[in-house]
Amino acid sequence: MASLTLADLAAIVAARAKASPEESWTAKLIASGPERVAKKFGEEAVEAVIAAVSGDKAALTAEAADVLFHLLVMLQTSGVELDDVMTALEGRTQRSGLAEKAARGSN
């Protein structure tokens, strides 16, 4: 069982964001701007969807890792703390998913 947590990964992303873009892929991606970061996250999400639809568990595992990493990079770039995201999720677990979605006015 893996011992790396999302909080651990967020801390790694934050540390790498401070590195030189010549030394860190994360820093290089962040230096390319929020639009590029968001685009990269979107690309990884689409690749995860394709892997899921194709039933390729190994590919989905790898793509899911990419999605989580790039989501954390996007949060870092946007100044959104992982703790805030987790707090939002925690609030949603207090009621059923259908009731929570109805409260947000979503279809």
PDB file of N, CA and C in Angstrom:
ATOM      1  N   MET A   1       0.847  -1.188   0.000  1.00  0.00           N
ATOM      2  CA  MET A   1       0.000   0.000   0.000  1.00  0.00           C
ATOM      3  C   MET A   1       0.887   1.243   0.000  1.00  0.00           C
ATOM      4  N   ALA A   2       0.529   2.189  -0.819  1.00  0.00           N
ATOM      5  CA  ALA A   2       1.312   3.425  -0.937  1.00  0.00           C
ATOM      6  C   ALA A   2       1.146   4.274   0.313  1.00  0.00           C
ATOM      7  N   SER A   3       2.206   4.931   0.700  1.00  0.00           N
ATOM      8  CA  SER A   3       2.138   5.786   1.884  1.00  0.00           C
ATOM      9  C   SER A   3       2.133   7.272   1.524  1.00  0.00           C
ATOM     10  N   LEU A   4       2.311   7.597   0.254  1.00  0.00           N
ATOM     11  CA  LEU A   4       2.276   8.990  -0.187  1.00  0.00           C
ATOM     12  C   LEU A   4       0.841   9.496  -0.134  1.00  0.00           C
ATOM     13  N   THR A   5       0.627  10.639   0.505  1.00  0.00           N
ATOM     14  CA  THR A   5      -0.706  11.223   0.567  1.00  0.00           C
ATOM     15  C   THR A   5      -0.809  12.401  -0.396  1.00  0.00           C
ATOM     16  N   LEU A   6      -2.021  12.857  -0.648  1.00  0.00           N
ATOM     17  CA  LEU A   6      -2.190  14.056  -1.466  1.00  0.00           C
ATOM     18  C   LEU A   6      -1.512  15.246  -0.804  1.00  0.00           C
ATOM     19  N   ALA A   7      -1.570  15.310   0.518  1.00  0.00           N
ATOM     20  CA  ALA A   7      -0.889  16.399   1.231  1.00  0.00           C
ATOM     21  C   ALA A   7       0.620  16.332   0.997  1.00  0.00           C
ATOM     22  N   ASP A   8       1.178  15.126   1.019  1.00  0.00           N
ATOM     23  CA  ASP A   8       2.610  14.960   0.728  1.00  0.00           C
ATOM     24  C   ASP A   8       2.923  15.453  -0.681  1.00  0.00           C
ATOM     25  N   LEU A   9       2.096  15.041  -1.638  1.00  0.00           N
ATOM     26  CA  LEU A   9       2.316  15.434  -3.024  1.00  0.00           C
ATOM     27  C   LEU A   9       2.166  16.941  -3.195  1.00  0.00           C
ATOM     28  N   ALA A  10       1.195  17.540  -2.512  1.00  0.00           N
ATOM     29  CA  ALA A  10       1.024  19.000  -2.580  1.00  0.00           C
ATOM     30  C   ALA A  10       2.263  19.709  -2.041  1.00  0.00           C
ATOM     31  N   ALA A  11       2.853  19.180  -0.992  1.00  0.00           N
ATOM     32  CA  ALA A  11       4.074  19.769  -0.437  1.00  0.00           C
ATOM     33  C   ALA A  11       5.237  19.635  -1.419  1.00  0.00           C
ATOM     34  N   ILE A  12       5.332  18.515  -2.101  1.00  0.00           N
ATOM     35  CA  ILE A  12       6.372  18.325  -3.114  1.00  0.00           C
ATOM     36  C   ILE A  12       6.182  19.311  -4.256  1.00  0.00           C
ATOM     37  N   VAL A  13       4.937  19.462  -4.716  1.00  0.00           N
ATOM     38  CA  VAL A  13       4.644  20.419  -5.790  1.00  0.00           C
ATOM     39  C   VAL A  13       5.030  21.831  -5.354  1.00  0.00           C
ATOM     40  N   ALA A  14       4.670  22.212  -4.127  1.00  0.00           N
ATOM     41  CA  ALA A  14       4.993  23.547  -3.622  1.00  0.00           C
ATOM     42  C   ALA A  14       6.501  23.772  -3.574  1.00  0.00           C
ATOM     43  N   ALA A  15       7.242  22.769  -3.141  1.00  0.00           N
ATOM     44  CA  ALA A  15       8.704  22.889  -3.085  1.00  0.00           C
ATOM     45  C   ALA A  15       9.297  22.993  -4.484  1.00  0.00           C
ATOM     46  N   ARG A  16       8.822  22.170  -5.392  1.00  0.00           N
ATOM     47  CA  ARG A  16       9.355  22.196  -6.758  1.00  0.00           C
ATOM     48  C   ARG A  16       8.967  23.477  -7.493  1.00  0.00           C
ATOM     49  N   ALA A  17       7.845  24.071  -7.119  1.00  0.00           N
ATOM     50  CA  ALA A  17       7.409  25.325  -7.745  1.00  0.00           C
ATOM     51  C   ALA A  17       8.414  26.446  -7.486  1.00  0.00           C
ATOM     52  N   LYS A  18       9.165  26.328  -6.405  1.00  0.00           N
ATOM     53  CA  LYS A  18      10.156  27.345  -6.038  1.00  0.00           C
ATOM     54  C   LYS A  18      11.509  27.116  -6.705  1.00  0.00           C
ATOM     55  N   ALA A  19      11.659  25.997  -7.369  1.00  0.00           N
ATOM     56  CA  ALA A  19      12.930  25.659  -8.024  1.00  0.00           C
ATOM     57  C   ALA A  19      13.066  26.434  -9.330  1.00  0.00           C
ATOM     58  N   SER A  20      14.227  26.344  -9.901  1.00  0.00           N
ATOM     59  CA  SER A  20      14.479  26.959 -11.199  1.00  0.00           C
ATOM     60  C   SER A  20      13.763  26.161 -12.283  1.00  0.00           C
ATOM     61  N   PRO A  21      13.141  26.856 -13.251  1.00  0.00           N
ATOM     62  CA  PRO A  21      12.496  26.136 -14.355  1.00  0.00           C
ATOM     63  C   PRO A  21      13.466  25.271 -15.163  1.00  0.00           C
ATOM     64  N   GLU A  22      14.752  25.568 -15.085  1.00  0.00           N
ATOM     65  CA  GLU A  22      15.751  24.750 -15.764  1.00  0.00           C
ATOM     66  C   GLU A  22      16.012  23.447 -15.029  1.00  0.00           C
ATOM     67  N   GLU A  23      15.596  23.388 -13.756  1.00  0.00           N
ATOM     68  CA  GLU A  23      15.880  22.217 -12.926  1.00  0.00           C
ATOM     69  C   GLU A  23      14.646  21.398 -12.589  1.00  0.00           C
ATOM     70  N   SER A  24      13.451  21.951 -12.823  1.00  0.00           N
ATOM     71  CA  SER A  24      12.236  21.282 -12.373  1.00  0.00           C
ATOM     72  C   SER A  24      11.135  21.385 -13.419  1.00  0.00           C
ATOM     73  N   TRP A  25      10.577  20.234 -13.784  1.00  0.00           N
ATOM     74  CA  TRP A  25       9.442  20.209 -14.712  1.00  0.00           C
ATOM     75  C   TRP A  25       8.276  21.003 -14.121  1.00  0.00           C
ATOM     76  N   THR A  26       8.034  20.834 -12.830  1.00  0.00           N
ATOM     77  CA  THR A  26       6.937  21.539 -12.171  1.00  0.00           C
ATOM     78  C   THR A  26       7.136  23.046 -12.277  1.00  0.00           C
ATOM     79  N   ALA A  27       8.331  23.521 -11.959  1.00  0.00           N
ATOM     80  CA  ALA A  27       8.617  24.955 -12.042  1.00  0.00           C
ATOM     81  C   ALA A  27       8.496  25.450 -13.477  1.00  0.00           C
ATOM     82  N   LYS A  28       8.959  24.652 -14.424  1.00  0.00           N
ATOM     83  CA  LYS A  28       8.869  25.030 -15.837  1.00  0.00           C
ATOM     84  C   LYS A  28       7.413  25.144 -16.276  1.00  0.00           C
ATOM     85  N   LEU A  29       6.596  24.190 -15.864  1.00  0.00           N
ATOM     86  CA  LEU A  29       5.181  24.223 -16.210  1.00  0.00           C
ATOM     87  C   LEU A  29       4.508  25.444 -15.587  1.00  0.00           C
ATOM     88  N   ILE A  30       4.767  25.701 -14.331  1.00  0.00           N
ATOM     89  CA  ILE A  30       4.171  26.850 -13.650  1.00  0.00           C
ATOM     90  C   ILE A  30       4.619  28.154 -14.303  1.00  0.00           C
ATOM     91  N   ALA A  31       5.878  28.220 -14.687  1.00  0.00           N
ATOM     92  CA  ALA A  31       6.406  29.430 -15.338  1.00  0.00           C
ATOM     93  C   ALA A  31       5.742  29.678 -16.689  1.00  0.00           C
ATOM     94  N   SER A  32       5.180  28.639 -17.294  1.00  0.00           N
ATOM     95  CA  SER A  32       4.524  28.799 -18.591  1.00  0.00           C
ATOM     96  C   SER A  32       3.159  29.471 -18.476  1.00  0.00           C
ATOM     97  N   GLY A  33       2.678  29.653 -17.259  1.00  0.00           N
ATOM     98  CA  GLY A  33       1.450  30.401 -17.028  1.00  0.00           C
ATOM     99  C   GLY A  33       0.247  29.543 -16.702  1.00  0.00           C
ATOM    100  N   PRO A  34      -0.763  30.162 -16.086  1.00  0.00           N
ATOM    101  CA  PRO A  34      -1.939  29.410 -15.646  1.00  0.00           C
ATOM    102  C   PRO A  34      -2.728  28.774 -16.779  1.00  0.00           C
ATOM    103  N   GLU A  35      -2.725  29.385 -17.951  1.00  0.00           N
ATOM    104  CA  GLU A  35      -3.450  28.793 -19.072  1.00  0.00           C
ATOM    105  C   GLU A  35      -2.816  27.478 -19.497  1.00  0.00           C
ATOM    106  N   ARG A  36      -1.494  27.447 -19.569  1.00  0.00           N
ATOM    107  CA  ARG A  36      -0.778  26.223 -19.950  1.00  0.00           C
ATOM    108  C   ARG A  36      -0.960  25.149 -18.885  1.00  0.00           C
ATOM    109  N   VAL A  37      -0.917  25.553 -17.627  1.00  0.00           N
ATOM    110  CA  VAL A  37      -1.112  24.603 -16.539  1.00  0.00           C
ATOM    111  C   VAL A  37      -2.506  23.979 -16.635  1.00  0.00           C
ATOM    112  N   ALA A  38      -3.525  24.808 -16.850  1.00  0.00           N
ATOM    113  CA  ALA A  38      -4.891  24.310 -16.965  1.00  0.00           C
ATOM    114  C   ALA A  38      -5.047  23.408 -18.191  1.00  0.00           C
ATOM    115  N   LYS A  39      -4.426  23.791 -19.290  1.00  0.00           N
ATOM    116  CA  LYS A  39      -4.489  22.974 -20.504  1.00  0.00           C
ATOM    117  C   LYS A  39      -3.856  21.602 -20.258  1.00  0.00           C
ATOM    118  N   LYS A  40      -2.721  21.580 -19.579  1.00  0.00           N
ATOM    119  CA  LYS A  40      -2.047  20.318 -19.292  1.00  0.00           C
ATOM    120  C   LYS A  40      -2.916  19.443 -18.398  1.00  0.00           C
ATOM    121  N   PHE A  41      -3.559  20.041 -17.400  1.00  0.00           N
ATOM    122  CA  PHE A  41      -4.475  19.287 -16.547  1.00  0.00           C
ATOM    123  C   PHE A  41      -5.601  18.689 -17.396  1.00  0.00           C
ATOM    124  N   GLY A  42      -6.165  19.489 -18.285  1.00  0.00           N
ATOM    125  CA  GLY A  42      -7.236  19.011 -19.153  1.00  0.00           C
ATOM    126  C   GLY A  42      -6.793  17.866 -20.038  1.00  0.00           C
ATOM    127  N   GLU A  43      -5.592  17.972 -20.591  1.00  0.00           N
ATOM    128  CA  GLU A  43      -5.061  16.894 -21.429  1.00  0.00           C
ATOM    129  C   GLU A  43      -4.949  15.601 -20.634  1.00  0.00           C
ATOM    130  N   GLU A  44      -4.453  15.709 -19.415  1.00  0.00           N
ATOM    131  CA  GLU A  44      -4.292  14.515 -18.580  1.00  0.00           C
ATOM    132  C   GLU A  44      -5.651  13.931 -18.203  1.00  0.00           C
ATOM    133  N   ALA A  45      -6.634  14.790 -17.951  1.00  0.00           N
ATOM    134  CA  ALA A  45      -7.974  14.309 -17.612  1.00  0.00           C
ATOM    135  C   ALA A  45      -8.583  13.554 -18.787  1.00  0.00           C
ATOM    136  N   VAL A  46      -8.420  14.083 -19.990  1.00  0.00           N
ATOM    137  CA  VAL A  46      -8.942  13.402 -21.184  1.00  0.00           C
ATOM    138  C   VAL A  46      -8.252  12.046 -21.353  1.00  0.00           C
ATOM    139  N   GLU A  47      -6.958  11.999 -21.146  1.00  0.00           N
ATOM    140  CA  GLU A  47      -6.239  10.721 -21.260  1.00  0.00           C
ATOM    141  C   GLU A  47      -6.745   9.718 -20.228  1.00  0.00           C
ATOM    142  N   ALA A  48      -7.094  10.187 -19.036  1.00  0.00           N
ATOM    143  CA  ALA A  48      -7.646   9.292 -18.007  1.00  0.00           C
ATOM    144  C   ALA A  48      -9.012   8.769 -18.435  1.00  0.00           C
ATOM    145  N   VAL A  49      -9.824   9.630 -19.015  1.00  0.00           N
ATOM    146  CA  VAL A  49     -11.145   9.209 -19.498  1.00  0.00           C
ATOM    147  C   VAL A  49     -10.996   8.144 -20.581  1.00  0.00           C
ATOM    148  N   ILE A  50     -10.088   8.364 -21.502  1.00  0.00           N
ATOM    149  CA  ILE A  50      -9.863   7.394 -22.579  1.00  0.00           C
ATOM    150  C   ILE A  50      -9.420   6.049 -22.006  1.00  0.00           C
ATOM    151  N   ALA A  51      -8.532   6.081 -21.042  1.00  0.00           N
ATOM    152  CA  ALA A  51      -8.065   4.842 -20.417  1.00  0.00           C
ATOM    153  C   ALA A  51      -9.214   4.143 -19.693  1.00  0.00           C
ATOM    154  N   ALA A  52     -10.060   4.914 -19.022  1.00  0.00           N
ATOM    155  CA  ALA A  52     -11.190   4.314 -18.300  1.00  0.00           C
ATOM    156  C   ALA A  52     -12.176   3.673 -19.264  1.00  0.00           C
ATOM    157  N   VAL A  53     -12.488   4.365 -20.337  1.00  0.00           N
ATOM    158  CA  VAL A  53     -13.449   3.854 -21.321  1.00  0.00           C
ATOM    159  C   VAL A  53     -12.908   2.609 -22.017  1.00  0.00           C
ATOM    160  N   SER A  54     -11.601   2.572 -22.222  1.00  0.00           N
ATOM    161  CA  SER A  54     -11.006   1.417 -22.902  1.00  0.00           C
ATOM    162  C   SER A  54     -10.843   0.217 -21.973  1.00  0.00           C
ATOM    163  N   GLY A  55     -11.028   0.442 -20.678  1.00  0.00           N
ATOM    164  CA  GLY A  55     -10.904  -0.653 -19.720  1.00  0.00           C
ATOM    165  C   GLY A  55      -9.476  -1.023 -19.391  1.00  0.00           C
ATOM    166  N   ASP A  56      -8.536  -0.147 -19.706  1.00  0.00           N
ATOM    167  CA  ASP A  56      -7.115  -0.416 -19.466  1.00  0.00           C
ATOM    168  C   ASP A  56      -6.743   0.068 -18.064  1.00  0.00           C
ATOM    169  N   LYS A  57      -6.760  -0.849 -17.104  1.00  0.00           N
ATOM    170  CA  LYS A  57      -6.522  -0.484 -15.705  1.00  0.00           C
ATOM    171  C   LYS A  57      -5.126   0.086 -15.476  1.00  0.00           C
ATOM    172  N   ALA A  58      -4.127  -0.485 -16.127  1.00  0.00           N
ATOM    173  CA  ALA A  58      -2.762   0.019 -15.949  1.00  0.00           C
ATOM    174  C   ALA A  58      -2.644   1.447 -16.475  1.00  0.00           C
ATOM    175  N   ALA A  59      -3.222   1.686 -17.652  1.00  0.00           N
ATOM    176  CA  ALA A  59      -3.180   3.036 -18.216  1.00  0.00           C
ATOM    177  C   ALA A  59      -3.970   4.002 -17.356  1.00  0.00           C
ATOM    178  N   LEU A  60      -5.131   3.559 -16.861  1.00  0.00           N
ATOM    179  CA  LEU A  60      -5.936   4.434 -16.004  1.00  0.00           C
ATOM    180  C   LEU A  60      -5.192   4.765 -14.723  1.00  0.00           C
ATOM    181  N   THR A  61      -4.505   3.807 -14.160  1.00  0.00           N
ATOM    182  CA  THR A  61      -3.714   4.063 -12.949  1.00  0.00           C
ATOM    183  C   THR A  61      -2.660   5.132 -13.216  1.00  0.00           C
ATOM    184  N   ALA A  62      -1.931   4.988 -14.315  1.00  0.00           N
ATOM    185  CA  ALA A  62      -0.889   5.966 -14.659  1.00  0.00           C
ATOM    186  C   ALA A  62      -1.489   7.330 -14.958  1.00  0.00           C
ATOM    187  N   GLU A  63      -2.588   7.350 -15.699  1.00  0.00           N
ATOM    188  CA  GLU A  63      -3.216   8.627 -16.049  1.00  0.00           C
ATOM    189  C   GLU A  63      -3.841   9.290 -14.830  1.00  0.00           C
ATOM    190  N   ALA A  64      -4.403   8.505 -13.922  1.00  0.00           N
ATOM    191  CA  ALA A  64      -4.961   9.067 -12.691  1.00  0.00           C
ATOM    192  C   ALA A  64      -3.867   9.731 -11.863  1.00  0.00           C
ATOM    193  N   ALA A  65      -2.688   9.126 -11.845  1.00  0.00           N
ATOM    194  CA  ALA A  65      -1.558   9.743 -11.147  1.00  0.00           C
ATOM    195  C   ALA A  65      -1.208  11.080 -11.794  1.00  0.00           C
ATOM    196  N   ASP A  66      -1.209  11.109 -13.130  1.00  0.00           N
ATOM    197  CA  ASP A  66      -0.935  12.364 -13.842  1.00  0.00           C
ATOM    198  C   ASP A  66      -1.998  13.416 -13.531  1.00  0.00           C
ATOM    199  N   VAL A  67      -3.271  12.996 -13.487  1.00  0.00           N
ATOM    200  CA  VAL A  67      -4.365  13.930 -13.188  1.00  0.00           C
ATOM    201  C   VAL A  67      -4.184  14.528 -11.795  1.00  0.00           C
ATOM    202  N   LEU A  68      -3.919  13.686 -10.810  1.00  0.00           N
ATOM    203  CA  LEU A  68      -3.746  14.192  -9.443  1.00  0.00           C
ATOM    204  C   LEU A  68      -2.565  15.155  -9.363  1.00  0.00           C
ATOM    205  N   PHE A  69      -1.452  14.783  -9.980  1.00  0.00           N
ATOM    206  CA  PHE A  69      -0.279  15.657  -9.961  1.00  0.00           C
ATOM    207  C   PHE A  69      -0.593  17.003 -10.611  1.00  0.00           C
ATOM    208  N   HIS A  70      -1.167  16.966 -11.805  1.00  0.00           N
ATOM    209  CA  HIS A  70      -1.420  18.211 -12.530  1.00  0.00           C
ATOM    210  C   HIS A  70      -2.536  19.033 -11.887  1.00  0.00           C
ATOM    211  N   LEU A  71      -3.476  18.379 -11.204  1.00  0.00           N
ATOM    212  CA  LEU A  71      -4.465  19.120 -10.431  1.00  0.00           C
ATOM    213  C   LEU A  71      -3.777  19.904  -9.319  1.00  0.00           C
ATOM    214  N   LEU A  72      -2.847  19.268  -8.636  1.00  0.00           N
ATOM    215  CA  LEU A  72      -2.133  19.948  -7.558  1.00  0.00           C
ATOM    216  C   LEU A  72      -1.268  21.088  -8.091  1.00  0.00           C
ATOM    217  N   VAL A  73      -0.696  20.914  -9.278  1.00  0.00           N
ATOM    218  CA  VAL A  73       0.063  22.006  -9.900  1.00  0.00           C
ATOM    219  C   VAL A  73      -0.881  23.161 -10.223  1.00  0.00           C
ATOM    220  N   MET A  74      -2.063  22.847 -10.738  1.00  0.00           N
ATOM    221  CA  MET A  74      -3.032  23.895 -11.072  1.00  0.00           C
ATOM    222  C   MET A  74      -3.497  24.615  -9.807  1.00  0.00           C
ATOM    223  N   LEU A  75      -3.740  23.873  -8.730  1.00  0.00           N
ATOM    224  CA  LEU A  75      -4.110  24.509  -7.473  1.00  0.00           C
ATOM    225  C   LEU A  75      -2.993  25.412  -6.972  1.00  0.00           C
ATOM    226  N   GLN A  76      -1.752  24.937  -7.054  1.00  0.00           N
ATOM    227  CA  GLN A  76      -0.590  25.727  -6.632  1.00  0.00           C
ATOM    228  C   GLN A  76      -0.518  27.023  -7.427  1.00  0.00           C
ATOM    229  N   THR A  77      -0.681  26.916  -8.735  1.00  0.00           N
ATOM    230  CA  THR A  77      -0.610  28.074  -9.618  1.00  0.00           C
ATOM    231  C   THR A  77      -1.716  29.079  -9.306  1.00  0.00           C
ATOM    232  N   SER A  78      -2.873  28.564  -8.923  1.00  0.00           N
ATOM    233  CA  SER A  78      -4.035  29.411  -8.667  1.00  0.00           C
ATOM    234  C   SER A  78      -4.122  29.911  -7.233  1.00  0.00           C
ATOM    235  N   GLY A  79      -3.207  29.466  -6.379  1.00  0.00           N
ATOM    236  CA  GLY A  79      -3.223  29.898  -4.985  1.00  0.00           C
ATOM    237  C   GLY A  79      -4.331  29.250  -4.165  1.00  0.00           C
ATOM    238  N   VAL A  80      -4.789  28.082  -4.603  1.00  0.00           N
ATOM    239  CA  VAL A  80      -5.827  27.350  -3.878  1.00  0.00           C
ATOM    240  C   VAL A  80      -5.148  26.268  -3.050  1.00  0.00           C
ATOM    241  N   GLU A  81      -5.447  26.258  -1.766  1.00  0.00           N
ATOM    242  CA  GLU A  81      -4.834  25.280  -0.858  1.00  0.00           C
ATOM    243  C   GLU A  81      -5.578  23.949  -0.930  1.00  0.00           C
ATOM    244  N   LEU A  82      -4.834  22.852  -0.895  1.00  0.00           N
ATOM    245  CA  LEU A  82      -5.437  21.522  -0.867  1.00  0.00           C
ATOM    246  C   LEU A  82      -6.364  21.389   0.336  1.00  0.00           C
ATOM    247  N   ASP A  83      -5.994  21.962   1.472  1.00  0.00           N
ATOM    248  CA  ASP A  83      -6.849  21.898   2.656  1.00  0.00           C
ATOM    249  C   ASP A  83      -8.228  22.501   2.383  1.00  0.00           C
ATOM    250  N   ASP A  84      -8.279  23.574   1.591  1.00  0.00           N
ATOM    251  CA  ASP A  84      -9.565  24.187   1.261  1.00  0.00           C
ATOM    252  C   ASP A  84     -10.411  23.253   0.393  1.00  0.00           C
ATOM    253  N   VAL A  85      -9.762  22.562  -0.532  1.00  0.00           N
ATOM    254  CA  VAL A  85     -10.472  21.598  -1.367  1.00  0.00           C
ATOM    255  C   VAL A  85     -10.992  20.452  -0.502  1.00  0.00           C
ATOM    256  N   MET A  86     -10.163  19.968   0.401  1.00  0.00           N
ATOM    257  CA  MET A  86     -10.571  18.868   1.263  1.00  0.00           C
ATOM    258  C   MET A  86     -11.702  19.290   2.196  1.00  0.00           C
ATOM    259  N   THR A  87     -11.675  20.538   2.661  1.00  0.00           N
ATOM    260  CA  THR A  87     -12.767  21.054   3.493  1.00  0.00           C
ATOM    261  C   THR A  87     -14.071  21.088   2.700  1.00  0.00           C
ATOM    262  N   ALA A  88     -13.990  21.513   1.434  1.00  0.00           N
ATOM    263  CA  ALA A  88     -15.183  21.519   0.579  1.00  0.00           C
ATOM    264  C   ALA A  88     -15.712  20.100   0.402  1.00  0.00           C
ATOM    265  N   LEU A  89     -14.816  19.141   0.183  1.00  0.00           N
ATOM    266  CA  LEU A  89     -15.239  17.748   0.042  1.00  0.00           C
ATOM    267  C   LEU A  89     -15.834  17.215   1.335  1.00  0.00           C
ATOM    268  N   GLU A  90     -15.211  17.560   2.445  1.00  0.00           N
ATOM    269  CA  GLU A  90     -15.710  17.099   3.740  1.00  0.00           C
ATOM    270  C   GLU A  90     -17.134  17.597   3.970  1.00  0.00           C
ATOM    271  N   GLY A  91     -17.400  18.848   3.615  1.00  0.00           N
ATOM    272  CA  GLY A  91     -18.742  19.391   3.763  1.00  0.00           C
ATOM    273  C   GLY A  91     -19.748  18.647   2.917  1.00  0.00           C
ATOM    274  N   ARG A  92     -19.323  18.182   1.776  1.00  0.00           N
ATOM    275  CA  ARG A  92     -20.215  17.457   0.882  1.00  0.00           C
ATOM    276  C   ARG A  92     -20.532  16.056   1.379  1.00  0.00           C
ATOM    277  N   THR A  93     -19.683  15.508   2.220  1.00  0.00           N
ATOM    278  CA  THR A  93     -19.922  14.149   2.716  1.00  0.00           C
ATOM    279  C   THR A  93     -20.930  14.118   3.853  1.00  0.00           C
ATOM    280  N   GLN A  94     -21.369  15.278   4.302  1.00  0.00           N
ATOM    281  CA  GLN A  94     -22.318  15.345   5.410  1.00  0.00           C
ATOM    282  C   GLN A  94     -23.736  14.993   4.984  1.00  0.00           C
ATOM    283  N   ARG A  95     -23.973  14.919   3.682  1.00  0.00           N
ATOM    284  CA  ARG A  95     -25.298  14.536   3.172  1.00  0.00           C
ATOM    285  C   ARG A  95     -25.101  13.689   1.925  1.00  0.00           C
ATOM    286  N   SER A  96     -26.191  13.117   1.455  1.00  0.00           N
ATOM    287  CA  SER A  96     -26.077  12.264   0.278  1.00  0.00           C
ATOM    288  C   SER A  96     -25.623  13.082  -0.918  1.00  0.00           C
ATOM    289  N   GLY A  97     -25.000  12.418  -1.864  1.00  0.00           N
ATOM    290  CA  GLY A  97     -24.544  13.088  -3.073  1.00  0.00           C
ATOM    291  C   GLY A  97     -25.684  13.751  -3.834  1.00  0.00           C
ATOM    292  N   LEU A  98     -26.855  13.126  -3.857  1.00  0.00           N
ATOM    293  CA  LEU A  98     -27.998  13.699  -4.558  1.00  0.00           C
ATOM    294  C   LEU A  98     -28.493  14.962  -3.860  1.00  0.00           C
ATOM    295  N   ALA A  99     -28.544  14.947  -2.528  1.00  0.00           N
ATOM    296  CA  ALA A  99     -28.983  16.126  -1.782  1.00  0.00           C
ATOM    297  C   ALA A  99     -27.960  17.253  -1.921  1.00  0.00           C
ATOM    298  N   GLU A 100     -26.682  16.902  -1.891  1.00  0.00           N
ATOM    299  CA  GLU A 100     -25.633  17.913  -2.025  1.00  0.00           C
ATOM    300  C   GLU A 100     -25.699  18.561  -3.403  1.00  0.00           C
ATOM    301  N   LYS A 101     -25.883  17.751  -4.431  1.00  0.00           N
ATOM    302  CA  LYS A 101     -25.952  18.279  -5.789  1.00  0.00           C
ATOM    303  C   LYS A 101     -27.187  19.159  -5.949  1.00  0.00           C
ATOM    304  N   ALA A 102     -28.302  18.763  -5.394  1.00  0.00           N
ATOM    305  CA  ALA A 102     -29.532  19.569  -5.472  1.00  0.00           C
ATOM    306  C   ALA A 102     -29.350  20.903  -4.772  1.00  0.00           C
ATOM    307  N   ALA A 103     -28.607  20.908  -3.662  1.00  0.00           N
ATOM    308  CA  ALA A 103     -28.374  22.149  -2.925  1.00  0.00           C
ATOM    309  C   ALA A 103     -27.523  23.121  -3.725  1.00  0.00           C
ATOM    310  N   ARG A 104     -26.686  22.600  -4.611  1.00  0.00           N
ATOM    311  CA  ARG A 104     -25.853  23.456  -5.474  1.00  0.00           C
ATOM    312  C   ARG A 104     -26.620  23.917  -6.708  1.00  0.00           C
ATOM    313  N   GLY A 105     -27.793  23.351  -6.944  1.00  0.00           N
ATOM    314  CA  GLY A 105     -28.588  23.730  -8.111  1.00  0.00           C
ATOM    315  C   GLY A 105     -28.086  23.124  -9.394  1.00  0.00           C
ATOM    316  N   SER A 106     -27.328  22.031  -9.316  1.00  0.00           N
ATOM    317  CA  SER A 106     -26.789  21.375 -10.507  1.00  0.00           C
ATOM    318  C   SER A 106     -27.802  20.391 -11.066  1.00  0.00           C
ATOM    319  N   ASN A 107     -27.651  20.099 -12.351  1.00  0.00           N
ATOM    320  CA  ASN A 107     -28.518  19.098 -12.994  1.00  0.00           C
ATOM    321  C   ASN A 107     -27.968  17.721 -12.792  1.00  0.00           C
TER     322      ASN A 107
END
